PDB file of N, CA and C in Angstrom:
ATOM      1  N   GLN A   1      -5.623 -29.941 -24.619  1.00  0.00           N
ATOM      2  CA  GLN A   1      -5.087 -30.240 -26.062  1.00  0.00           C
ATOM      3  C   GLN A   1      -5.256 -28.967 -26.774  1.00  0.00           C
ATOM      4  N   VAL A   2      -4.142 -28.472 -27.385  1.00  0.00           N
ATOM      5  CA  VAL A   2      -4.227 -27.242 -28.177  1.00  0.00           C
ATOM      6  C   VAL A   2      -4.805 -27.452 -29.545  1.00  0.00           C
ATOM      7  N   GLN A   3      -5.727 -26.787 -29.969  1.00  0.00           N
ATOM      8  CA  GLN A   3      -6.264 -26.969 -31.426  1.00  0.00           C
ATOM      9  C   GLN A   3      -6.436 -25.470 -32.052  1.00  0.00           C
ATOM     10  N   LEU A   4      -5.980 -25.321 -33.245  1.00  0.00           N
ATOM     11  CA  LEU A   4      -6.257 -24.362 -34.112  1.00  0.00           C
ATOM     12  C   LEU A   4      -7.128 -24.650 -35.425  1.00  0.00           C
ATOM     13  N   VAL A   5      -8.283 -23.904 -35.586  1.00  0.00           N
ATOM     14  CA  VAL A   5      -9.055 -24.384 -36.694  1.00  0.00           C
ATOM     15  C   VAL A   5      -9.390 -23.010 -37.614  1.00  0.00           C
ATOM     16  N   GLU A   6      -8.824 -23.226 -38.907  1.00  0.00           N
ATOM     17  CA  GLU A   6      -9.050 -22.189 -39.640  1.00  0.00           C
ATOM     18  C   GLU A   6     -10.502 -22.199 -40.340  1.00  0.00           C
ATOM     19  N   SER A   7     -11.013 -21.237 -40.937  1.00  0.00           N
ATOM     20  CA  SER A   7     -12.123 -21.052 -41.608  1.00  0.00           C
ATOM     21  C   SER A   7     -12.058 -19.643 -42.509  1.00  0.00           C
ATOM     22  N   GLY A   8     -13.037 -19.593 -43.491  1.00  0.00           N
ATOM     23  CA  GLY A   8     -13.320 -18.266 -44.113  1.00  0.00           C
ATOM     24  C   GLY A   8     -12.563 -18.407 -45.481  1.00  0.00           C
ATOM     25  N   GLY A   9     -11.823 -19.536 -45.915  1.00  0.00           N
ATOM     26  CA  GLY A   9     -11.451 -19.425 -47.260  1.00  0.00           C
ATOM     27  C   GLY A   9     -12.463 -19.523 -48.271  1.00  0.00           C
ATOM     28  N   GLY A  10     -12.088 -19.491 -49.580  1.00  0.00           N
ATOM     29  CA  GLY A  10     -13.129 -19.626 -50.607  1.00  0.00           C
ATOM     30  C   GLY A  10     -12.387 -19.212 -52.228  1.00  0.00           C
ATOM     31  N   LEU A  11     -13.362 -18.952 -52.802  1.00  0.00           N
ATOM     32  CA  LEU A  11     -13.138 -18.586 -54.299  1.00  0.00           C
ATOM     33  C   LEU A  11     -13.661 -16.975 -54.242  1.00  0.00           C
ATOM     34  N   VAL A  12     -12.798 -16.129 -54.822  1.00  0.00           N
ATOM     35  CA  VAL A  12     -13.292 -14.779 -54.899  1.00  0.00           C
ATOM     36  C   VAL A  12     -12.514 -14.263 -56.059  1.00  0.00           C
ATOM     37  N   GLN A  13     -13.145 -13.118 -56.720  1.00  0.00           N
ATOM     38  CA  GLN A  13     -12.520 -12.496 -57.970  1.00  0.00           C
ATOM     39  C   GLN A  13     -11.347 -11.589 -57.466  1.00  0.00           C
ATOM     40  N   ALA A  14     -10.495 -11.421 -58.585  1.00  0.00           N
ATOM     41  CA  ALA A  14      -9.594 -10.532 -58.175  1.00  0.00           C
ATOM     42  C   ALA A  14     -10.029  -9.025 -57.587  1.00  0.00           C
ATOM     43  N   GLY A  15      -9.576  -8.488 -56.805  1.00  0.00           N
ATOM     44  CA  GLY A  15      -9.991  -7.343 -56.227  1.00  0.00           C
ATOM     45  C   GLY A  15     -11.018  -7.344 -55.047  1.00  0.00           C
ATOM     46  N   GLY A  16     -11.356  -8.590 -54.659  1.00  0.00           N
ATOM     47  CA  GLY A  16     -12.338  -9.083 -53.712  1.00  0.00           C
ATOM     48  C   GLY A  16     -11.690  -9.001 -52.505  1.00  0.00           C
ATOM     49  N   SER A  17     -12.512  -9.386 -51.555  1.00  0.00           N
ATOM     50  CA  SER A  17     -12.039  -9.595 -50.140  1.00  0.00           C
ATOM     51  C   SER A  17     -12.433 -10.810 -49.332  1.00  0.00           C
ATOM     52  N   LEU A  18     -11.693 -11.431 -48.245  1.00  0.00           N
ATOM     53  CA  LEU A  18     -11.958 -12.452 -47.681  1.00  0.00           C
ATOM     54  C   LEU A  18     -11.443 -12.051 -46.094  1.00  0.00           C
ATOM     55  N   ARG A  19     -12.209 -12.739 -45.444  1.00  0.00           N
ATOM     56  CA  ARG A  19     -11.581 -12.749 -43.920  1.00  0.00           C
ATOM     57  C   ARG A  19     -11.344 -14.247 -43.481  1.00  0.00           C
ATOM     58  N   LEU A  20     -10.239 -14.488 -43.078  1.00  0.00           N
ATOM     59  CA  LEU A  20      -9.910 -15.720 -42.505  1.00  0.00           C
ATOM     60  C   LEU A  20     -10.076 -15.597 -40.972  1.00  0.00           C
ATOM     61  N   SER A  21     -10.384 -16.846 -40.349  1.00  0.00           N
ATOM     62  CA  SER A  21     -10.592 -16.772 -38.925  1.00  0.00           C
ATOM     63  C   SER A  21      -9.742 -18.042 -38.538  1.00  0.00           C
ATOM     64  N   CYS A  22      -9.236 -18.092 -37.277  1.00  0.00           N
ATOM     65  CA  CYS A  22      -8.582 -19.298 -36.675  1.00  0.00           C
ATOM     66  C   CYS A  22      -8.856 -19.221 -35.191  1.00  0.00           C
ATOM     67  N   ALA A  23      -9.622 -20.087 -34.967  1.00  0.00           N
ATOM     68  CA  ALA A  23     -10.297 -20.404 -33.533  1.00  0.00           C
ATOM     69  C   ALA A  23      -9.445 -21.279 -32.775  1.00  0.00           C
ATOM     70  N   GLY A  24      -9.043 -20.771 -31.481  1.00  0.00           N
ATOM     71  CA  GLY A  24      -8.068 -21.415 -30.896  1.00  0.00           C
ATOM     72  C   GLY A  24      -8.825 -22.198 -29.744  1.00  0.00           C
ATOM     73  N   SER A  25      -8.304 -23.451 -29.123  1.00  0.00           N
ATOM     74  CA  SER A  25      -8.802 -24.022 -27.969  1.00  0.00           C
ATOM     75  C   SER A  25      -7.544 -24.646 -27.210  1.00  0.00           C
ATOM     76  N   GLY A  26      -7.632 -24.560 -25.877  1.00  0.00           N
ATOM     77  CA  GLY A  26      -6.613 -25.132 -25.275  1.00  0.00           C
ATOM     78  C   GLY A  26      -5.302 -24.244 -25.122  1.00  0.00           C
ATOM     79  N   ILE A  27      -5.621 -23.022 -25.536  1.00  0.00           N
ATOM     80  CA  ILE A  27      -4.438 -22.123 -25.574  1.00  0.00           C
ATOM     81  C   ILE A  27      -5.096 -20.667 -25.583  1.00  0.00           C
ATOM     82  N   ILE A  28      -4.540 -19.611 -25.005  1.00  0.00           N
ATOM     83  CA  ILE A  28      -5.073 -18.334 -25.069  1.00  0.00           C
ATOM     84  C   ILE A  28      -4.183 -17.608 -26.130  1.00  0.00           C
ATOM     85  N   LEU A  29      -4.712 -17.215 -27.205  1.00  0.00           N
ATOM     86  CA  LEU A  29      -4.017 -16.881 -28.362  1.00  0.00           C
ATOM     87  C   LEU A  29      -3.307 -15.585 -27.976  1.00  0.00           C
ATOM     88  N   ASN A  30      -3.904 -14.716 -27.399  1.00  0.00           N
ATOM     89  CA  ASN A  30      -3.128 -13.227 -27.173  1.00  0.00           C
ATOM     90  C   ASN A  30      -2.000 -13.345 -26.350  1.00  0.00           C
ATOM     91  N   LEU A  31      -1.671 -14.423 -25.590  1.00  0.00           N
ATOM     92  CA  LEU A  31      -0.572 -14.523 -24.788  1.00  0.00           C
ATOM     93  C   LEU A  31       0.538 -15.282 -25.594  1.00  0.00           C
ATOM     94  N   ASN A  32       0.459 -15.394 -26.747  1.00  0.00           N
ATOM     95  CA  ASN A  32       1.595 -15.907 -27.663  1.00  0.00           C
ATOM     96  C   ASN A  32       1.620 -15.024 -29.039  1.00  0.00           C
ATOM     97  N   ALA A  33       2.822 -14.915 -29.659  1.00  0.00           N
ATOM     98  CA  ALA A  33       2.768 -14.544 -30.976  1.00  0.00           C
ATOM     99  C   ALA A  33       2.070 -15.359 -31.974  1.00  0.00           C
ATOM    100  N   MET A  34       1.218 -14.859 -32.787  1.00  0.00           N
ATOM    101  CA  MET A  34       0.512 -15.691 -33.840  1.00  0.00           C
ATOM    102  C   MET A  34       0.889 -15.162 -35.130  1.00  0.00           C
ATOM    103  N   SER A  35       0.809 -16.254 -36.124  1.00  0.00           N
ATOM    104  CA  SER A  35       1.168 -16.016 -37.560  1.00  0.00           C
ATOM    105  C   SER A  35       0.384 -16.533 -38.437  1.00  0.00           C
ATOM    106  N   TRP A  36       0.156 -16.094 -39.716  1.00  0.00           N
ATOM    107  CA  TRP A  36      -0.396 -16.698 -40.801  1.00  0.00           C
ATOM    108  C   TRP A  36       0.614 -17.096 -41.863  1.00  0.00           C
ATOM    109  N   TYR A  37       0.550 -18.037 -42.292  1.00  0.00           N
ATOM    110  CA  TYR A  37       1.356 -18.633 -43.249  1.00  0.00           C
ATOM    111  C   TYR A  37       0.554 -18.887 -44.466  1.00  0.00           C
ATOM    112  N   ARG A  38       1.265 -19.052 -45.631  1.00  0.00           N
ATOM    113  CA  ARG A  38       0.359 -19.602 -46.765  1.00  0.00           C
ATOM    114  C   ARG A  38       1.527 -20.465 -47.742  1.00  0.00           C
ATOM    115  N   GLN A  39       0.739 -21.506 -48.435  1.00  0.00           N
ATOM    116  CA  GLN A  39       1.622 -22.052 -49.225  1.00  0.00           C
ATOM    117  C   GLN A  39       0.915 -22.276 -50.458  1.00  0.00           C
ATOM    118  N   ALA A  40       1.518 -21.850 -51.499  1.00  0.00           N
ATOM    119  CA  ALA A  40       0.998 -21.806 -53.041  1.00  0.00           C
ATOM    120  C   ALA A  40       1.393 -23.322 -53.571  1.00  0.00           C
ATOM    121  N   PRO A  41       0.821 -23.797 -54.674  1.00  0.00           N
ATOM    122  CA  PRO A  41       1.216 -24.966 -55.306  1.00  0.00           C
ATOM    123  C   PRO A  41       2.652 -24.853 -55.791  1.00  0.00           C
ATOM    124  N   GLY A  42       3.463 -25.838 -55.464  1.00  0.00           N
ATOM    125  CA  GLY A  42       4.822 -25.827 -55.957  1.00  0.00           C
ATOM    126  C   GLY A  42       5.833 -24.729 -55.247  1.00  0.00           C
ATOM    127  N   LYS A  43       5.293 -24.175 -54.299  1.00  0.00           N
ATOM    128  CA  LYS A  43       6.142 -23.089 -53.680  1.00  0.00           C
ATOM    129  C   LYS A  43       6.184 -23.564 -52.076  1.00  0.00           C
ATOM    130  N   GLN A  44       7.328 -23.022 -51.518  1.00  0.00           N
ATOM    131  CA  GLN A  44       7.460 -23.141 -50.030  1.00  0.00           C
ATOM    132  C   GLN A  44       6.630 -22.238 -49.281  1.00  0.00           C
ATOM    133  N   ARG A  45       6.387 -22.915 -48.113  1.00  0.00           N
ATOM    134  CA  ARG A  45       5.388 -21.962 -47.093  1.00  0.00           C
ATOM    135  C   ARG A  45       6.030 -20.665 -46.910  1.00  0.00           C
ATOM    136  N   GLU A  46       5.147 -19.512 -46.822  1.00  0.00           N
ATOM    137  CA  GLU A  46       5.921 -18.350 -46.558  1.00  0.00           C
ATOM    138  C   GLU A  46       4.904 -17.689 -45.578  1.00  0.00           C
ATOM    139  N   LEU A  47       5.659 -17.091 -44.613  1.00  0.00           N
ATOM    140  CA  LEU A  47       4.992 -16.030 -43.620  1.00  0.00           C
ATOM    141  C   LEU A  47       4.484 -14.962 -44.307  1.00  0.00           C
ATOM    142  N   VAL A  48       3.016 -14.855 -43.754  1.00  0.00           N
ATOM    143  CA  VAL A  48       2.484 -13.611 -44.651  1.00  0.00           C
ATOM    144  C   VAL A  48       2.282 -12.522 -43.497  1.00  0.00           C
ATOM    145  N   ALA A  49       1.960 -12.930 -42.150  1.00  0.00           N
ATOM    146  CA  ALA A  49       1.683 -11.654 -41.202  1.00  0.00           C
ATOM    147  C   ALA A  49       1.800 -12.356 -39.742  1.00  0.00           C
ATOM    148  N   ARG A  50       2.118 -11.531 -38.984  1.00  0.00           N
ATOM    149  CA  ARG A  50       2.531 -11.833 -37.546  1.00  0.00           C
ATOM    150  C   ARG A  50       2.003 -10.905 -36.620  1.00  0.00           C
ATOM    151  N   ILE A  51       1.345 -11.368 -35.399  1.00  0.00           N
ATOM    152  CA  ILE A  51       1.250 -10.360 -34.345  1.00  0.00           C
ATOM    153  C   ILE A  51       1.592 -10.871 -32.943  1.00  0.00           C
ATOM    154  N   THR A  52       2.510  -9.962 -32.267  1.00  0.00           N
ATOM    155  CA  THR A  52       2.865 -10.567 -31.068  1.00  0.00           C
ATOM    156  C   THR A  52       2.052 -10.324 -30.007  1.00  0.00           C
ATOM    157  N   SER A  53       2.483 -10.766 -28.749  1.00  0.00           N
ATOM    158  CA  SER A  53       1.451 -10.944 -27.570  1.00  0.00           C
ATOM    159  C   SER A  53       1.429  -9.444 -27.162  1.00  0.00           C
ATOM    160  N   GLY A  54       2.264  -8.585 -27.561  1.00  0.00           N
ATOM    161  CA  GLY A  54       2.056  -7.115 -27.209  1.00  0.00           C
ATOM    162  C   GLY A  54       1.164  -6.406 -28.375  1.00  0.00           C
ATOM    163  N   GLY A  55       0.706  -7.039 -29.363  1.00  0.00           N
ATOM    164  CA  GLY A  55       0.013  -6.373 -30.415  1.00  0.00           C
ATOM    165  C   GLY A  55       0.819  -5.746 -31.632  1.00  0.00           C
ATOM    166  N   SER A  56       2.148  -5.961 -31.718  1.00  0.00           N
ATOM    167  CA  SER A  56       2.859  -5.497 -32.768  1.00  0.00           C
ATOM    168  C   SER A  56       2.582  -6.333 -33.981  1.00  0.00           C
ATOM    169  N   THR A  57       2.289  -5.804 -35.162  1.00  0.00           N
ATOM    170  CA  THR A  57       2.072  -6.557 -36.188  1.00  0.00           C
ATOM    171  C   THR A  57       3.237  -6.551 -37.455  1.00  0.00           C
ATOM    172  N   ASN A  58       3.714  -7.277 -38.199  1.00  0.00           N
ATOM    173  CA  ASN A  58       4.141  -7.288 -39.547  1.00  0.00           C
ATOM    174  C   ASN A  58       4.031  -8.095 -40.538  1.00  0.00           C
ATOM    175  N   TYR A  59       4.160  -7.836 -41.628  1.00  0.00           N
ATOM    176  CA  TYR A  59       3.686  -8.407 -42.914  1.00  0.00           C
ATOM    177  C   TYR A  59       4.848  -8.608 -43.947  1.00  0.00           C
ATOM    178  N   VAL A  60       4.575  -9.467 -44.892  1.00  0.00           N
ATOM    179  CA  VAL A  60       5.411  -9.743 -45.829  1.00  0.00           C
ATOM    180  C   VAL A  60       5.072  -8.532 -46.831  1.00  0.00           C
ATOM    181  N   ASP A  61       6.180  -7.913 -47.620  1.00  0.00           N
ATOM    182  CA  ASP A  61       5.995  -6.826 -48.257  1.00  0.00           C
ATOM    183  C   ASP A  61       4.864  -6.928 -49.382  1.00  0.00           C
ATOM    184  N   SER A  62       4.538  -8.195 -49.947  1.00  0.00           N
ATOM    185  CA  SER A  62       3.541  -8.292 -50.926  1.00  0.00           C
ATOM    186  C   SER A  62       2.081  -8.191 -50.511  1.00  0.00           C
ATOM    187  N   VAL A  63       1.891  -8.174 -49.281  1.00  0.00           N
ATOM    188  CA  VAL A  63       0.522  -8.042 -48.684  1.00  0.00           C
ATOM    189  C   VAL A  63       0.369  -6.690 -48.104  1.00  0.00           C
ATOM    190  N   LYS A  64       1.367  -5.962 -47.681  1.00  0.00           N
ATOM    191  CA  LYS A  64       1.311  -4.739 -46.927  1.00  0.00           C
ATOM    192  C   LYS A  64       0.486  -3.761 -47.519  1.00  0.00           C
ATOM    193  N   GLY A  65      -0.554  -3.371 -46.725  1.00  0.00           N
ATOM    194  CA  GLY A  65      -1.512  -2.185 -47.110  1.00  0.00           C
ATOM    195  C   GLY A  65      -2.877  -2.892 -47.701  1.00  0.00           C
ATOM    196  N   ARG A  66      -2.700  -4.364 -47.757  1.00  0.00           N
ATOM    197  CA  ARG A  66      -3.938  -5.182 -48.325  1.00  0.00           C
ATOM    198  C   ARG A  66      -4.451  -6.117 -47.059  1.00  0.00           C
ATOM    199  N   PHE A  67      -3.503  -6.607 -46.252  1.00  0.00           N
ATOM    200  CA  PHE A  67      -3.832  -7.757 -45.209  1.00  0.00           C
ATOM    201  C   PHE A  67      -3.726  -6.920 -43.904  1.00  0.00           C
ATOM    202  N   THR A  68      -4.593  -7.304 -42.920  1.00  0.00           N
ATOM    203  CA  THR A  68      -4.643  -6.776 -41.683  1.00  0.00           C
ATOM    204  C   THR A  68      -4.874  -8.246 -40.508  1.00  0.00           C
ATOM    205  N   ILE A  69      -3.893  -8.400 -39.776  1.00  0.00           N
ATOM    206  CA  ILE A  69      -3.800  -9.406 -38.882  1.00  0.00           C
ATOM    207  C   ILE A  69      -4.434  -8.927 -37.389  1.00  0.00           C
ATOM    208  N   SER A  70      -5.340  -9.649 -36.815  1.00  0.00           N
ATOM    209  CA  SER A  70      -5.948  -9.093 -35.653  1.00  0.00           C
ATOM    210  C   SER A  70      -6.315 -10.131 -34.739  1.00  0.00           C
ATOM    211  N   ILE A  71      -6.711 -10.027 -33.408  1.00  0.00           N
ATOM    212  CA  ILE A  71      -6.978 -11.077 -32.521  1.00  0.00           C
ATOM    213  C   ILE A  71      -8.113 -10.587 -31.480  1.00  0.00           C
ATOM    214  N   ASP A  72      -9.304 -11.253 -31.683  1.00  0.00           N
ATOM    215  CA  ASP A  72     -10.330 -10.958 -30.792  1.00  0.00           C
ATOM    216  C   ASP A  72     -10.328 -11.849 -29.626  1.00  0.00           C
ATOM    217  N   ASN A  73      -9.865 -11.025 -28.646  1.00  0.00           N
ATOM    218  CA  ASN A  73      -9.614 -11.662 -27.306  1.00  0.00           C
ATOM    219  C   ASN A  73     -10.546 -12.487 -26.591  1.00  0.00           C
ATOM    220  N   ALA A  74     -11.897 -11.738 -26.869  1.00  0.00           N
ATOM    221  CA  ALA A  74     -13.159 -12.441 -26.213  1.00  0.00           C
ATOM    222  C   ALA A  74     -13.571 -13.779 -26.864  1.00  0.00           C
ATOM    223  N   LYS A  75     -13.352 -13.887 -28.167  1.00  0.00           N
ATOM    224  CA  LYS A  75     -13.423 -15.067 -28.820  1.00  0.00           C
ATOM    225  C   LYS A  75     -12.314 -15.995 -29.013  1.00  0.00           C
ATOM    226  N   ASN A  76     -11.266 -15.450 -28.504  1.00  0.00           N
ATOM    227  CA  ASN A  76      -9.951 -16.283 -28.572  1.00  0.00           C
ATOM    228  C   ASN A  76      -9.880 -16.731 -30.267  1.00  0.00           C
ATOM    229  N   THR A  77      -9.858 -15.813 -30.962  1.00  0.00           N
ATOM    230  CA  THR A  77      -9.932 -15.923 -32.430  1.00  0.00           C
ATOM    231  C   THR A  77      -8.947 -15.076 -33.017  1.00  0.00           C
ATOM    232  N   LEU A  78      -7.992 -15.624 -33.975  1.00  0.00           N
ATOM    233  CA  LEU A  78      -7.240 -14.796 -34.854  1.00  0.00           C
ATOM    234  C   LEU A  78      -7.886 -14.552 -36.239  1.00  0.00           C
ATOM    235  N   TYR A  79      -7.659 -13.435 -36.735  1.00  0.00           N
ATOM    236  CA  TYR A  79      -8.225 -13.040 -37.992  1.00  0.00           C
ATOM    237  C   TYR A  79      -7.065 -12.437 -38.919  1.00  0.00           C
ATOM    238  N   LEU A  80      -7.483 -13.000 -40.293  1.00  0.00           N
ATOM    239  CA  LEU A  80      -6.536 -12.239 -41.336  1.00  0.00           C
ATOM    240  C   LEU A  80      -7.762 -11.556 -42.328  1.00  0.00           C
ATOM    241  N   GLN A  81      -7.732 -10.338 -42.335  1.00  0.00           N
ATOM    242  CA  GLN A  81      -8.593  -9.515 -43.321  1.00  0.00           C
ATOM    243  C   GLN A  81      -7.772  -9.329 -44.597  1.00  0.00           C
ATOM    244  N   MET A  82      -8.322  -9.667 -45.624  1.00  0.00           N
ATOM    245  CA  MET A  82      -7.494  -9.828 -46.855  1.00  0.00           C
ATOM    246  C   MET A  82      -8.317  -8.928 -48.138  1.00  0.00           C
ATOM    247  N   ASN A  83      -7.905  -7.631 -48.312  1.00  0.00           N
ATOM    248  CA  ASN A  83      -8.525  -6.861 -49.314  1.00  0.00           C
ATOM    249  C   ASN A  83      -7.827  -6.858 -50.793  1.00  0.00           C
ATOM    250  N   SER A  84      -8.396  -6.469 -51.571  1.00  0.00           N
ATOM    251  CA  SER A  84      -7.634  -6.198 -52.950  1.00  0.00           C
ATOM    252  C   SER A  84      -6.914  -7.376 -53.263  1.00  0.00           C
ATOM    253  N   LEU A  85      -7.559  -8.495 -53.260  1.00  0.00           N
ATOM    254  CA  LEU A  85      -6.932  -9.744 -53.551  1.00  0.00           C
ATOM    255  C   LEU A  85      -6.638  -9.890 -54.877  1.00  0.00           C
ATOM    256  N   LYS A  86      -5.272 -10.645 -55.088  1.00  0.00           N
ATOM    257  CA  LYS A  86      -4.917 -10.719 -56.177  1.00  0.00           C
ATOM    258  C   LYS A  86      -4.640 -12.379 -56.623  1.00  0.00           C
ATOM    259  N   PRO A  87      -4.420 -12.740 -57.782  1.00  0.00           N
ATOM    260  CA  PRO A  87      -4.256 -14.096 -58.190  1.00  0.00           C
ATOM    261  C   PRO A  87      -3.116 -14.812 -57.515  1.00  0.00           C
ATOM    262  N   GLU A  88      -2.216 -14.053 -57.278  1.00  0.00           N
ATOM    263  CA  GLU A  88      -0.962 -14.428 -56.645  1.00  0.00           C
ATOM    264  C   GLU A  88      -1.055 -14.827 -55.301  1.00  0.00           C
ATOM    265  N   ASP A  89      -2.335 -14.197 -54.642  1.00  0.00           N
ATOM    266  CA  ASP A  89      -2.586 -14.680 -53.294  1.00  0.00           C
ATOM    267  C   ASP A  89      -3.276 -16.185 -53.019  1.00  0.00           C
ATOM    268  N   THR A  90      -3.497 -16.789 -54.227  1.00  0.00           N
ATOM    269  CA  THR A  90      -4.017 -17.979 -54.173  1.00  0.00           C
ATOM    270  C   THR A  90      -3.092 -19.058 -53.537  1.00  0.00           C
ATOM    271  N   ALA A  91      -3.621 -19.626 -52.356  1.00  0.00           N
ATOM    272  CA  ALA A  91      -2.777 -20.757 -51.664  1.00  0.00           C
ATOM    273  C   ALA A  91      -3.655 -21.280 -50.507  1.00  0.00           C
ATOM    274  N   VAL A  92      -3.105 -22.010 -49.836  1.00  0.00           N
ATOM    275  CA  VAL A  92      -3.654 -22.631 -48.516  1.00  0.00           C
ATOM    276  C   VAL A  92      -3.122 -21.709 -47.513  1.00  0.00           C
ATOM    277  N   TYR A  93      -3.919 -21.170 -46.680  1.00  0.00           N
ATOM    278  CA  TYR A  93      -3.500 -20.547 -45.558  1.00  0.00           C
ATOM    279  C   TYR A  93      -3.547 -21.191 -44.227  1.00  0.00           C
ATOM    280  N   TYR A  94      -2.371 -20.884 -43.461  1.00  0.00           N
ATOM    281  CA  TYR A  94      -2.246 -21.599 -42.224  1.00  0.00           C
ATOM    282  C   TYR A  94      -2.339 -20.597 -40.975  1.00  0.00           C
ATOM    283  N   CYS A  95      -2.674 -21.001 -39.893  1.00  0.00           N
ATOM    284  CA  CYS A  95      -2.367 -20.174 -38.770  1.00  0.00           C
ATOM    285  C   CYS A  95      -1.483 -21.150 -37.616  1.00  0.00           C
ATOM    286  N   MET A  96      -0.641 -20.555 -37.035  1.00  0.00           N
ATOM    287  CA  MET A  96       0.547 -21.092 -36.273  1.00  0.00           C
ATOM    288  C   MET A  96       0.820 -20.209 -35.134  1.00  0.00           C
ATOM    289  N   THR A  97       0.967 -20.920 -34.004  1.00  0.00           N
ATOM    290  CA  THR A  97       1.665 -20.404 -32.844  1.00  0.00           C
ATOM    291  C   THR A  97       2.523 -21.410 -32.311  1.00  0.00           C
ATOM    292  N   ARG A  98       3.599 -20.916 -31.565  1.00  0.00           N
ATOM    293  CA  ARG A  98       4.527 -21.383 -30.794  1.00  0.00           C
ATOM    294  C   ARG A  98       4.641 -21.277 -29.370  1.00  0.00           C
ATOM    295  N   THR A  99       4.528 -22.342 -28.603  1.00  0.00           N
ATOM    296  CA  THR A  99       4.961 -22.285 -27.350  1.00  0.00           C
ATOM    297  C   THR A  99       6.127 -23.067 -27.002  1.00  0.00           C
ATOM    298  N   TRP A 100       6.166 -24.242 -26.462  1.00  0.00           N
ATOM    299  CA  TRP A 100       7.217 -25.116 -26.449  1.00  0.00           C
ATOM    300  C   TRP A 100       7.371 -25.929 -27.494  1.00  0.00           C
ATOM    301  N   ARG A 101       6.374 -25.714 -28.464  1.00  0.00           N
ATOM    302  CA  ARG A 101       6.455 -26.443 -29.707  1.00  0.00           C
ATOM    303  C   ARG A 101       5.436 -25.658 -30.677  1.00  0.00           C
ATOM    304  N   GLU A 102       5.481 -26.014 -31.789  1.00  0.00           N
ATOM    305  CA  GLU A 102       4.610 -25.470 -32.850  1.00  0.00           C
ATOM    306  C   GLU A 102       3.266 -25.954 -33.105  1.00  0.00           C
ATOM    307  N   TYR A 103       2.271 -25.036 -33.185  1.00  0.00           N
ATOM    308  CA  TYR A 103       0.999 -25.727 -33.475  1.00  0.00           C
ATOM    309  C   TYR A 103       0.390 -25.055 -34.792  1.00  0.00           C
ATOM    310  N   TRP A 104      -0.136 -25.881 -35.666  1.00  0.00           N
ATOM    311  CA  TRP A 104      -0.687 -25.442 -36.886  1.00  0.00           C
ATOM    312  C   TRP A 104      -2.002 -25.779 -37.026  1.00  0.00           C
ATOM    313  N   GLY A 105      -2.763 -24.913 -37.599  1.00  0.00           N
ATOM    314  CA  GLY A 105      -4.167 -25.480 -38.165  1.00  0.00           C
ATOM    315  C   GLY A 105      -4.165 -26.248 -39.350  1.00  0.00           C
ATOM    316  N   GLN A 106      -5.343 -26.763 -39.711  1.00  0.00           N
ATOM    317  CA  GLN A 106      -5.351 -27.514 -40.950  1.00  0.00           C
ATOM    318  C   GLN A 106      -5.315 -26.861 -42.350  1.00  0.00           C
ATOM    319  N   GLY A 107      -5.312 -25.609 -42.279  1.00  0.00           N
ATOM    320  CA  GLY A 107      -5.359 -24.775 -43.493  1.00  0.00           C
ATOM    321  C   GLY A 107      -6.766 -24.647 -44.063  1.00  0.00           C
ATOM    322  N   THR A 108      -6.859 -23.511 -44.772  1.00  0.00           N
ATOM    323  CA  THR A 108      -7.982 -23.143 -45.541  1.00  0.00           C
ATOM    324  C   THR A 108      -7.608 -22.486 -46.855  1.00  0.00           C
ATOM    325  N   GLN A 109      -8.204 -23.075 -48.057  1.00  0.00           N
ATOM    326  CA  GLN A 109      -7.971 -22.616 -49.426  1.00  0.00           C
ATOM    327  C   GLN A 109      -8.527 -21.464 -49.748  1.00  0.00           C
ATOM    328  N   VAL A 110      -7.739 -20.543 -50.203  1.00  0.00           N
ATOM    329  CA  VAL A 110      -8.111 -19.333 -50.930  1.00  0.00           C
ATOM    330  C   VAL A 110      -7.661 -19.319 -52.195  1.00  0.00           C
ATOM    331  N   THR A 111      -8.560 -18.979 -53.153  1.00  0.00           N
ATOM    332  CA  THR A 111      -8.340 -19.148 -54.662  1.00  0.00           C
ATOM    333  C   THR A 111      -9.010 -17.847 -55.109  1.00  0.00           C
ATOM    334  N   VAL A 112      -8.139 -17.073 -55.877  1.00  0.00           N
ATOM    335  CA  VAL A 112      -8.540 -15.726 -56.404  1.00  0.00           C
ATOM    336  C   VAL A 112      -8.431 -15.733 -57.978  1.00  0.00           C
ATOM    337  N   SER A 113      -9.474 -15.651 -58.489  1.00  0.00           N
ATOM    338  CA  SER A 113      -9.622 -15.855 -59.891  1.00  0.00           C
ATOM    339  C   SER A 113      -9.382 -14.228 -60.730  1.00  0.00           C
ATOM    340  N   SER A 114      -8.705 -14.529 -61.653  1.00  0.00           N
ATOM    341  CA  SER A 114      -8.490 -13.093 -62.603  1.00  0.00           C
ATOM    342  C   SER A 114      -9.599 -12.666 -63.625  1.00  0.00           C
TER     343      SER A 114
END
């Protein structure tokens, strides 16, 4: 059974940093493209960052230069390092992967105060 479990969210002041984690079980994360999405209140879920099985990364323009997506193969864990956080980064963050179907984590809340 595939499970993705996020952690690391919280309340931080603008300009601060957080590192989100997404621990995988029942699946080897680095064999699949992995993504971080976020959903702010009243807004659609948006793709924030993606890493392919080959290690290529891409980011939504609003987080380029501030966020970094990575995978620790030994821990089978996906990360999202978020620096220089802004109030507009406030959202629930989800990790996702797709094999023959999509798998989503439960989400972790990130709140950035101004």
